[in-house]
Amino acid sequence: MHKPKITIHYCVLCQWLLRSGWLAQELLSTFSDDLKEVSLSPASKGVFQIYYNDELIWCRLVDGGFPEAKELKRRVRDKLDPGRDLGHIDKHQS
């Protein structure tokens, strides 16, 4: 099975590195054996986008801000393994 790559593009000028790093850590703690890598890619002009391979799965401008970890994990799971149970994250879905 080909393992996917997650890339988080974040605005350096907006100082979103810590948020990006935290989300990367959350993804790695949940999907560690299933991902090829999670990378951080510096950007500018207010960019905050997350890609699953080459597919945009989160955009700050389109999605209205930053993702909560549980929402980002759901979106990654839905691409990676839609039948996978995320435990407490799925149980508290609104």
PDB file of N, CA and C in Angstrom:
ATOM      1  N   MET A   1       0.843  -1.196   0.000  1.00  0.00           N
ATOM      2  CA  MET A   1       0.000   0.000   0.000  1.00  0.00           C
ATOM      3  C   MET A   1       0.882   1.251   0.000  1.00  0.00           C
ATOM      4  N   HIS A   2       0.547   2.184  -0.857  1.00  0.00           N
ATOM      5  CA  HIS A   2       1.268   3.455  -0.933  1.00  0.00           C
ATOM      6  C   HIS A   2       0.823   4.358   0.217  1.00  0.00           C
ATOM      7  N   LYS A   3       1.773   4.769   1.033  1.00  0.00           N
ATOM      8  CA  LYS A   3       1.445   5.626   2.168  1.00  0.00           C
ATOM      9  C   LYS A   3       1.382   7.082   1.716  1.00  0.00           C
ATOM     10  N   PRO A   4       0.374   7.829   2.175  1.00  0.00           N
ATOM     11  CA  PRO A   4       0.212   9.219   1.770  1.00  0.00           C
ATOM     12  C   PRO A   4       1.145  10.169   2.517  1.00  0.00           C
ATOM     13  N   LYS A   5       1.292  11.319   1.911  1.00  0.00           N
ATOM     14  CA  LYS A   5       2.086  12.410   2.477  1.00  0.00           C
ATOM     15  C   LYS A   5       1.138  13.560   2.813  1.00  0.00           C
ATOM     16  N   ILE A   6       1.281  14.105   3.994  1.00  0.00           N
ATOM     17  CA  ILE A   6       0.512  15.284   4.405  1.00  0.00           C
ATOM     18  C   ILE A   6       1.475  16.468   4.402  1.00  0.00           C
ATOM     19  N   THR A   7       1.061  17.565   3.774  1.00  0.00           N
ATOM     20  CA  THR A   7       1.869  18.780   3.755  1.00  0.00           C
ATOM     21  C   THR A   7       1.036  19.931   4.310  1.00  0.00           C
ATOM     22  N   ILE A   8       1.594  20.607   5.302  1.00  0.00           N
ATOM     23  CA  ILE A   8       0.936  21.764   5.895  1.00  0.00           C
ATOM     24  C   ILE A   8       1.700  23.009   5.451  1.00  0.00           C
ATOM     25  N   HIS A   9       1.032  23.843   4.657  1.00  0.00           N
ATOM     26  CA  HIS A   9       1.606  25.118   4.215  1.00  0.00           C
ATOM     27  C   HIS A   9       1.112  26.188   5.189  1.00  0.00           C
ATOM     28  N   TYR A  10       2.042  26.935   5.773  1.00  0.00           N
ATOM     29  CA  TYR A  10       1.670  27.919   6.793  1.00  0.00           C
ATOM     30  C   TYR A  10       2.395  29.240   6.542  1.00  0.00           C
ATOM     31  N   CYS A  11       1.745  30.323   6.882  1.00  0.00           N
ATOM     32  CA  CYS A  11       2.321  31.659   6.708  1.00  0.00           C
ATOM     33  C   CYS A  11       3.354  31.937   7.806  1.00  0.00           C
ATOM     34  N   VAL A  12       4.568  32.193   7.369  1.00  0.00           N
ATOM     35  CA  VAL A  12       5.653  32.513   8.295  1.00  0.00           C
ATOM     36  C   VAL A  12       5.425  33.881   8.929  1.00  0.00           C
ATOM     37  N   LEU A  13       4.990  34.838   8.130  1.00  0.00           N
ATOM     38  CA  LEU A  13       4.774  36.200   8.622  1.00  0.00           C
ATOM     39  C   LEU A  13       3.684  36.259   9.690  1.00  0.00           C
ATOM     40  N   CYS A  14       2.711  35.358   9.589  1.00  0.00           N
ATOM     41  CA  CYS A  14       1.621  35.301  10.564  1.00  0.00           C
ATOM     42  C   CYS A  14       1.992  34.488  11.801  1.00  0.00           C
ATOM     43  N   GLN A  15       3.164  33.895  11.775  1.00  0.00           N
ATOM     44  CA  GLN A  15       3.700  33.108  12.888  1.00  0.00           C
ATOM     45  C   GLN A  15       2.813  31.901  13.222  1.00  0.00           C
ATOM     46  N   TRP A  16       2.458  31.129  12.188  1.00  0.00           N
ATOM     47  CA  TRP A  16       1.609  29.961  12.374  1.00  0.00           C
ATOM     48  C   TRP A  16       2.410  28.662  12.448  1.00  0.00           C
ATOM     49  N   LEU A  17       3.718  28.746  12.681  1.00  0.00           N
ATOM     50  CA  LEU A  17       4.545  27.555  12.787  1.00  0.00           C
ATOM     51  C   LEU A  17       4.123  26.665  13.955  1.00  0.00           C
ATOM     52  N   LEU A  18       3.897  27.233  15.125  1.00  0.00           N
ATOM     53  CA  LEU A  18       3.528  26.421  16.290  1.00  0.00           C
ATOM     54  C   LEU A  18       2.211  25.679  16.073  1.00  0.00           C
ATOM     55  N   ARG A  19       1.235  26.350  15.491  1.00  0.00           N
ATOM     56  CA  ARG A  19      -0.050  25.713  15.191  1.00  0.00           C
ATOM     57  C   ARG A  19       0.162  24.573  14.198  1.00  0.00           C
ATOM     58  N   SER A  20       0.987  24.811  13.189  1.00  0.00           N
ATOM     59  CA  SER A  20       1.270  23.789  12.172  1.00  0.00           C
ATOM     60  C   SER A  20       1.978  22.589  12.786  1.00  0.00           C
ATOM     61  N   GLY A  21       2.943  22.863  13.628  1.00  0.00           N
ATOM     62  CA  GLY A  21       3.673  21.794  14.295  1.00  0.00           C
ATOM     63  C   GLY A  21       2.786  20.964  15.201  1.00  0.00           C
ATOM     64  N   TRP A  22       1.895  21.625  15.900  1.00  0.00           N
ATOM     65  CA  TRP A  22       0.968  20.920  16.783  1.00  0.00           C
ATOM     66  C   TRP A  22       0.041  20.015  15.973  1.00  0.00           C
ATOM     67  N   LEU A  23      -0.486  20.514  14.848  1.00  0.00           N
ATOM     68  CA  LEU A  23      -1.362  19.687  14.021  1.00  0.00           C
ATOM     69  C   LEU A  23      -0.594  18.513  13.415  1.00  0.00           C
ATOM     70  N   ALA A  24       0.644  18.746  13.016  1.00  0.00           N
ATOM     71  CA  ALA A  24       1.478  17.657  12.499  1.00  0.00           C
ATOM     72  C   ALA A  24       1.658  16.584  13.573  1.00  0.00           C
ATOM     73  N   GLN A  25       1.928  17.005  14.791  1.00  0.00           N
ATOM     74  CA  GLN A  25       2.096  16.076  15.911  1.00  0.00           C
ATOM     75  C   GLN A  25       0.817  15.276  16.146  1.00  0.00           C
ATOM     76  N   GLU A  26      -0.319  15.919  16.089  1.00  0.00           N
ATOM     77  CA  GLU A  26      -1.603  15.241  16.280  1.00  0.00           C
ATOM     78  C   GLU A  26      -1.820  14.175  15.207  1.00  0.00           C
ATOM     79  N   LEU A  27      -1.510  14.526  13.958  1.00  0.00           N
ATOM     80  CA  LEU A  27      -1.680  13.558  12.872  1.00  0.00           C
ATOM     81  C   LEU A  27      -0.729  12.381  13.025  1.00  0.00           C
ATOM     82  N   LEU A  28       0.506  12.667  13.383  1.00  0.00           N
ATOM     83  CA  LEU A  28       1.483  11.590  13.555  1.00  0.00           C
ATOM     84  C   LEU A  28       1.143  10.685  14.732  1.00  0.00           C
ATOM     85  N   SER A  29       0.584  11.247  15.789  1.00  0.00           N
ATOM     86  CA  SER A  29       0.232  10.414  16.940  1.00  0.00           C
ATOM     87  C   SER A  29      -0.951   9.493  16.619  1.00  0.00           C
ATOM     88  N   THR A  30      -1.824   9.910  15.723  1.00  0.00           N
ATOM     89  CA  THR A  30      -2.990   9.101  15.367  1.00  0.00           C
ATOM     90  C   THR A  30      -2.706   8.144  14.217  1.00  0.00           C
ATOM     91  N   PHE A  31      -1.951   8.599  13.214  1.00  0.00           N
ATOM     92  CA  PHE A  31      -1.754   7.823  11.988  1.00  0.00           C
ATOM     93  C   PHE A  31      -0.288   7.448  11.734  1.00  0.00           C
ATOM     94  N   SER A  32       0.502   7.319  12.760  1.00  0.00           N
ATOM     95  CA  SER A  32       1.956   7.154  12.626  1.00  0.00           C
ATOM     96  C   SER A  32       2.382   6.061  11.658  1.00  0.00           C
ATOM     97  N   ASP A  33       1.751   4.905  11.713  1.00  0.00           N
ATOM     98  CA  ASP A  33       2.153   3.802  10.844  1.00  0.00           C
ATOM     99  C   ASP A  33       1.551   3.878   9.446  1.00  0.00           C
ATOM    100  N   ASP A  34       0.601   4.770   9.251  1.00  0.00           N
ATOM    101  CA  ASP A  34      -0.134   4.827   7.994  1.00  0.00           C
ATOM    102  C   ASP A  34       0.314   5.959   7.063  1.00  0.00           C
ATOM    103  N   LEU A  35       1.135   6.864   7.563  1.00  0.00           N
ATOM    104  CA  LEU A  35       1.571   8.010   6.755  1.00  0.00           C
ATOM    105  C   LEU A  35       3.034   7.870   6.370  1.00  0.00           C
ATOM    106  N   LYS A  36       3.349   8.292   5.159  1.00  0.00           N
ATOM    107  CA  LYS A  36       4.745   8.325   4.727  1.00  0.00           C
ATOM    108  C   LYS A  36       5.471   9.446   5.460  1.00  0.00           C
ATOM    109  N   GLU A  37       4.819  10.610   5.522  1.00  0.00           N
ATOM    110  CA  GLU A  37       5.399  11.762   6.220  1.00  0.00           C
ATOM    111  C   GLU A  37       4.358  12.844   6.416  1.00  0.00           C
ATOM    112  N   VAL A  38       4.661  13.715   7.361  1.00  0.00           N
ATOM    113  CA  VAL A  38       3.921  14.961   7.545  1.00  0.00           C
ATOM    114  C   VAL A  38       4.970  16.051   7.488  1.00  0.00           C
ATOM    115  N   SER A  39       4.824  16.961   6.536  1.00  0.00           N
ATOM    116  CA  SER A  39       5.837  18.008   6.376  1.00  0.00           C
ATOM    117  C   SER A  39       5.232  19.388   6.556  1.00  0.00           C
ATOM    118  N   LEU A  40       6.081  20.307   6.973  1.00  0.00           N
ATOM    119  CA  LEU A  40       5.700  21.707   7.143  1.00  0.00           C
ATOM    120  C   LEU A  40       6.377  22.504   6.042  1.00  0.00           C
ATOM    121  N   SER A  41       5.597  23.336   5.370  1.00  0.00           N
ATOM    122  CA  SER A  41       6.105  24.095   4.239  1.00  0.00           C
ATOM    123  C   SER A  41       5.832  25.586   4.453  1.00  0.00           C
ATOM    124  N   PRO A  42       6.876  26.371   4.692  1.00  0.00           N
ATOM    125  CA  PRO A  42       6.687  27.809   4.909  1.00  0.00           C
ATOM    126  C   PRO A  42       6.059  28.489   3.688  1.00  0.00           C
ATOM    127  N   ALA A  43       5.160  29.419   3.959  1.00  0.00           N
ATOM    128  CA  ALA A  43       4.478  30.177   2.915  1.00  0.00           C
ATOM    129  C   ALA A  43       4.351  31.624   3.393  1.00  0.00           C
ATOM    130  N   SER A  44       3.573  32.418   2.680  1.00  0.00           N
ATOM    131  CA  SER A  44       3.352  33.815   3.056  1.00  0.00           C
ATOM    132  C   SER A  44       1.915  34.204   2.721  1.00  0.00           C
ATOM    133  N   LYS A  45       1.595  35.466   2.906  1.00  0.00           N
ATOM    134  CA  LYS A  45       0.301  36.048   2.521  1.00  0.00           C
ATOM    135  C   LYS A  45      -0.902  35.370   3.186  1.00  0.00           C
ATOM    136  N   GLY A  46      -0.751  34.953   4.435  1.00  0.00           N
ATOM    137  CA  GLY A  46      -1.881  34.393   5.172  1.00  0.00           C
ATOM    138  C   GLY A  46      -2.268  32.980   4.788  1.00  0.00           C
ATOM    139  N   VAL A  47      -1.395  32.290   4.090  1.00  0.00           N
ATOM    140  CA  VAL A  47      -1.709  30.931   3.647  1.00  0.00           C
ATOM    141  C   VAL A  47      -1.705  29.958   4.823  1.00  0.00           C
ATOM    142  N   PHE A  48      -2.735  29.140   4.899  1.00  0.00           N
ATOM    143  CA  PHE A  48      -2.765  27.990   5.785  1.00  0.00           C
ATOM    144  C   PHE A  48      -3.578  26.934   5.063  1.00  0.00           C
ATOM    145  N   GLN A  49      -2.869  25.983   4.453  1.00  0.00           N
ATOM    146  CA  GLN A  49      -3.500  24.932   3.659  1.00  0.00           C
ATOM    147  C   GLN A  49      -2.876  23.591   4.021  1.00  0.00           C
ATOM    148  N   ILE A  50      -3.712  22.561   3.983  1.00  0.00           N
ATOM    149  CA  ILE A  50      -3.237  21.217   4.276  1.00  0.00           C
ATOM    150  C   ILE A  50      -3.597  20.317   3.108  1.00  0.00           C
ATOM    151  N   TYR A  51      -2.590  19.594   2.634  1.00  0.00           N
ATOM    152  CA  TYR A  51      -2.755  18.702   1.496  1.00  0.00           C
ATOM    153  C   TYR A  51      -2.569  17.255   1.924  1.00  0.00           C
ATOM    154  N   TYR A  52      -3.403  16.397   1.362  1.00  0.00           N
ATOM    155  CA  TYR A  52      -3.261  14.945   1.468  1.00  0.00           C
ATOM    156  C   TYR A  52      -2.765  14.520   0.101  1.00  0.00           C
ATOM    157  N   ASN A  53      -1.498  14.144   0.023  1.00  0.00           N
ATOM    158  CA  ASN A  53      -0.802  13.998  -1.259  1.00  0.00           C
ATOM    159  C   ASN A  53      -0.954  15.317  -1.997  1.00  0.00           C
ATOM    160  N   ASP A  54      -1.595  15.335  -3.142  1.00  0.00           N
ATOM    161  CA  ASP A  54      -1.754  16.590  -3.888  1.00  0.00           C
ATOM    162  C   ASP A  54      -3.157  17.175  -3.777  1.00  0.00           C
ATOM    163  N   GLU A  55      -3.978  16.623  -2.898  1.00  0.00           N
ATOM    164  CA  GLU A  55      -5.358  17.069  -2.761  1.00  0.00           C
ATOM    165  C   GLU A  55      -5.519  17.986  -1.549  1.00  0.00           C
ATOM    166  N   LEU A  56      -6.050  19.169  -1.787  1.00  0.00           N
ATOM    167  CA  LEU A  56      -6.298  20.126  -0.711  1.00  0.00           C
ATOM    168  C   LEU A  56      -7.433  19.601   0.169  1.00  0.00           C
ATOM    169  N   ILE A  57      -7.146  19.425   1.468  1.00  0.00           N
ATOM    170  CA  ILE A  57      -8.191  18.960   2.386  1.00  0.00           C
ATOM    171  C   ILE A  57      -8.555  20.017   3.430  1.00  0.00           C
ATOM    172  N   TRP A  58      -7.765  21.089   3.514  1.00  0.00           N
ATOM    173  CA  TRP A  58      -8.130  22.205   4.397  1.00  0.00           C
ATOM    174  C   TRP A  58      -7.519  23.479   3.849  1.00  0.00           C
ATOM    175  N   CYS A  59      -8.323  24.528   3.798  1.00  0.00           N
ATOM    176  CA  CYS A  59      -7.852  25.856   3.402  1.00  0.00           C
ATOM    177  C   CYS A  59      -8.477  26.867   4.359  1.00  0.00           C
ATOM    178  N   ARG A  60      -7.645  27.644   5.001  1.00  0.00           N
ATOM    179  CA  ARG A  60      -8.120  28.615   5.988  1.00  0.00           C
ATOM    180  C   ARG A  60      -9.173  29.544   5.393  1.00  0.00           C
ATOM    181  N   LEU A  61      -8.982  29.994   4.175  1.00  0.00           N
ATOM    182  CA  LEU A  61      -9.926  30.930   3.558  1.00  0.00           C
ATOM    183  C   LEU A  61     -11.243  30.261   3.182  1.00  0.00           C
ATOM    184  N   VAL A  62     -11.188  29.060   2.661  1.00  0.00           N
ATOM    185  CA  VAL A  62     -12.392  28.344   2.236  1.00  0.00           C
ATOM    186  C   VAL A  62     -13.153  27.772   3.426  1.00  0.00           C
ATOM    187  N   ASP A  63     -12.400  27.174   4.371  1.00  0.00           N
ATOM    188  CA  ASP A  63     -13.029  26.490   5.492  1.00  0.00           C
ATOM    189  C   ASP A  63     -13.291  27.389   6.696  1.00  0.00           C
ATOM    190  N   GLY A  64     -12.919  28.643   6.594  1.00  0.00           N
ATOM    191  CA  GLY A  64     -13.254  29.598   7.648  1.00  0.00           C
ATOM    192  C   GLY A  64     -12.396  29.506   8.892  1.00  0.00           C
ATOM    193  N   GLY A  65     -11.100  29.486   8.721  1.00  0.00           N
ATOM    194  CA  GLY A  65     -10.204  29.476   9.876  1.00  0.00           C
ATOM    195  C   GLY A  65      -9.318  28.257   9.905  1.00  0.00           C
ATOM    196  N   PHE A  66      -8.975  27.871  11.121  1.00  0.00           N
ATOM    197  CA  PHE A  66      -8.058  26.759  11.326  1.00  0.00           C
ATOM    198  C   PHE A  66      -8.835  25.524  11.767  1.00  0.00           C
ATOM    199  N   PRO A  67      -8.336  24.348  11.395  1.00  0.00           N
ATOM    200  CA  PRO A  67      -9.062  23.142  11.800  1.00  0.00           C
ATOM    201  C   PRO A  67      -8.802  22.785  13.258  1.00  0.00           C
ATOM    202  N   GLU A  68      -9.813  22.243  13.896  1.00  0.00           N
ATOM    203  CA  GLU A  68      -9.594  21.585  15.172  1.00  0.00           C
ATOM    204  C   GLU A  68      -8.920  20.269  14.838  1.00  0.00           C
ATOM    205  N   ALA A  69      -8.127  19.751  15.734  1.00  0.00           N
ATOM    206  CA  ALA A  69      -7.409  18.497  15.487  1.00  0.00           C
ATOM    207  C   ALA A  69      -8.376  17.372  15.115  1.00  0.00           C
ATOM    208  N   LYS A  70      -9.507  17.289  15.806  1.00  0.00           N
ATOM    209  CA  LYS A  70     -10.441  16.196  15.532  1.00  0.00           C
ATOM    210  C   LYS A  70     -11.031  16.292  14.131  1.00  0.00           C
ATOM    211  N   GLU A  71     -11.295  17.491  13.636  1.00  0.00           N
ATOM    212  CA  GLU A  71     -11.826  17.641  12.279  1.00  0.00           C
ATOM    213  C   GLU A  71     -10.770  17.280  11.245  1.00  0.00           C
ATOM    214  N   LEU A  72      -9.541  17.697  11.462  1.00  0.00           N
ATOM    215  CA  LEU A  72      -8.466  17.353  10.540  1.00  0.00           C
ATOM    216  C   LEU A  72      -8.243  15.837  10.526  1.00  0.00           C
ATOM    217  N   LYS A  73      -8.270  15.218  11.681  1.00  0.00           N
ATOM    218  CA  LYS A  73      -8.114  13.764  11.743  1.00  0.00           C
ATOM    219  C   LYS A  73      -9.239  13.057  10.995  1.00  0.00           C
ATOM    220  N   ARG A  74     -10.458  13.566  11.098  1.00  0.00           N
ATOM    221  CA  ARG A  74     -11.578  12.980  10.352  1.00  0.00           C
ATOM    222  C   ARG A  74     -11.330  13.062   8.852  1.00  0.00           C
ATOM    223  N   ARG A  75     -10.858  14.228   8.403  1.00  0.00           N
ATOM    224  CA  ARG A  75     -10.633  14.402   6.963  1.00  0.00           C
ATOM    225  C   ARG A  75      -9.513  13.503   6.451  1.00  0.00           C
ATOM    226  N   VAL A  76      -8.471  13.353   7.236  1.00  0.00           N
ATOM    227  CA  VAL A  76      -7.383  12.450   6.844  1.00  0.00           C
ATOM    228  C   VAL A  76      -7.887  11.007   6.862  1.00  0.00           C
ATOM    229  N   ARG A  77      -8.581  10.616   7.911  1.00  0.00           N
ATOM    230  CA  ARG A  77      -9.137   9.262   7.997  1.00  0.00           C
ATOM    231  C   ARG A  77     -10.046   8.949   6.819  1.00  0.00           C
ATOM    232  N   ASP A  78     -10.897   9.921   6.429  1.00  0.00           N
ATOM    233  CA  ASP A  78     -11.833   9.700   5.333  1.00  0.00           C
ATOM    234  C   ASP A  78     -11.119   9.429   4.011  1.00  0.00           C
ATOM    235  N   LYS A  79      -9.923   9.945   3.847  1.00  0.00           N
ATOM    236  CA  LYS A  79      -9.115   9.677   2.649  1.00  0.00           C
ATOM    237  C   LYS A  79      -8.332   8.381   2.804  1.00  0.00           C
ATOM    238  N   LEU A  80      -7.773   8.176   3.961  1.00  0.00           N
ATOM    239  CA  LEU A  80      -6.860   7.065   4.222  1.00  0.00           C
ATOM    240  C   LEU A  80      -7.583   5.728   4.414  1.00  0.00           C
ATOM    241  N   ASP A  81      -8.603   5.740   5.271  1.00  0.00           N
ATOM    242  CA  ASP A  81      -9.289   4.506   5.648  1.00  0.00           C
ATOM    243  C   ASP A  81     -10.675   4.868   6.188  1.00  0.00           C
ATOM    244  N   PRO A  82     -11.645   5.095   5.281  1.00  0.00           N
ATOM    245  CA  PRO A  82     -12.962   5.589   5.703  1.00  0.00           C
ATOM    246  C   PRO A  82     -13.673   4.741   6.760  1.00  0.00           C
ATOM    247  N   GLY A  83     -13.376   3.469   6.836  1.00  0.00           N
ATOM    248  CA  GLY A  83     -14.028   2.613   7.817  1.00  0.00           C
ATOM    249  C   GLY A  83     -13.375   2.607   9.183  1.00  0.00           C
ATOM    250  N   ARG A  84     -12.270   3.298   9.314  1.00  0.00           N
ATOM    251  CA  ARG A  84     -11.513   3.305  10.579  1.00  0.00           C
ATOM    252  C   ARG A  84     -12.254   4.079  11.660  1.00  0.00           C
ATOM    253  N   ASP A  85     -12.299   3.499  12.847  1.00  0.00           N
ATOM    254  CA  ASP A  85     -12.926   4.146  13.995  1.00  0.00           C
ATOM    255  C   ASP A  85     -11.884   5.010  14.695  1.00  0.00           C
ATOM    256  N   LEU A  86     -12.208   6.264  14.905  1.00  0.00           N
ATOM    257  CA  LEU A  86     -11.308   7.173  15.602  1.00  0.00           C
ATOM    258  C   LEU A  86     -11.647   7.290  17.088  1.00  0.00           C
ATOM    259  N   GLY A  87     -12.398   6.334  17.589  1.00  0.00           N
ATOM    260  CA  GLY A  87     -12.702   6.293  19.015  1.00  0.00           C
ATOM    261  C   GLY A  87     -13.500   7.481  19.489  1.00  0.00           C
ATOM    262  N   HIS A  88     -13.015   8.143  20.516  1.00  0.00           N
ATOM    263  CA  HIS A  88     -13.758   9.244  21.152  1.00  0.00           C
ATOM    264  C   HIS A  88     -14.033  10.396  20.186  1.00  0.00           C
ATOM    265  N   ILE A  89     -13.204  10.560  19.181  1.00  0.00           N
ATOM    266  CA  ILE A  89     -13.433  11.642  18.196  1.00  0.00           C
ATOM    267  C   ILE A  89     -14.736  11.399  17.446  1.00  0.00           C
ATOM    268  N   ASP A  90     -14.993  10.158  17.044  1.00  0.00           N
ATOM    269  CA  ASP A  90     -16.222   9.837  16.321  1.00  0.00           C
ATOM    270  C   ASP A  90     -17.432   9.822  17.242  1.00  0.00           C
ATOM    271  N   LYS A  91     -17.261   9.458  18.486  1.00  0.00           N
ATOM    272  CA  LYS A  91     -18.379   9.363  19.418  1.00  0.00           C
ATOM    273  C   LYS A  91     -18.973  10.725  19.779  1.00  0.00           C
ATOM    274  N   HIS A  92     -18.138  11.778  19.718  1.00  0.00           N
ATOM    275  CA  HIS A  92     -18.597  13.122  20.093  1.00  0.00           C
ATOM    276  C   HIS A  92     -18.845  14.004  18.882  1.00  0.00           C
ATOM    277  N   GLN A  93     -19.002  13.393  17.729  1.00  0.00           N
ATOM    278  CA  GLN A  93     -19.234  14.169  16.503  1.00  0.00           C
ATOM    279  C   GLN A  93     -20.614  14.805  16.566  1.00  0.00           C
ATOM    280  N   SER A  94     -20.655  16.092  16.218  1.00  0.00           N
ATOM    281  CA  SER A  94     -21.944  16.782  16.264  1.00  0.00           C
ATOM    282  C   SER A  94     -22.678  16.701  14.954  1.00  0.00           C
TER     283      SER A  94
END
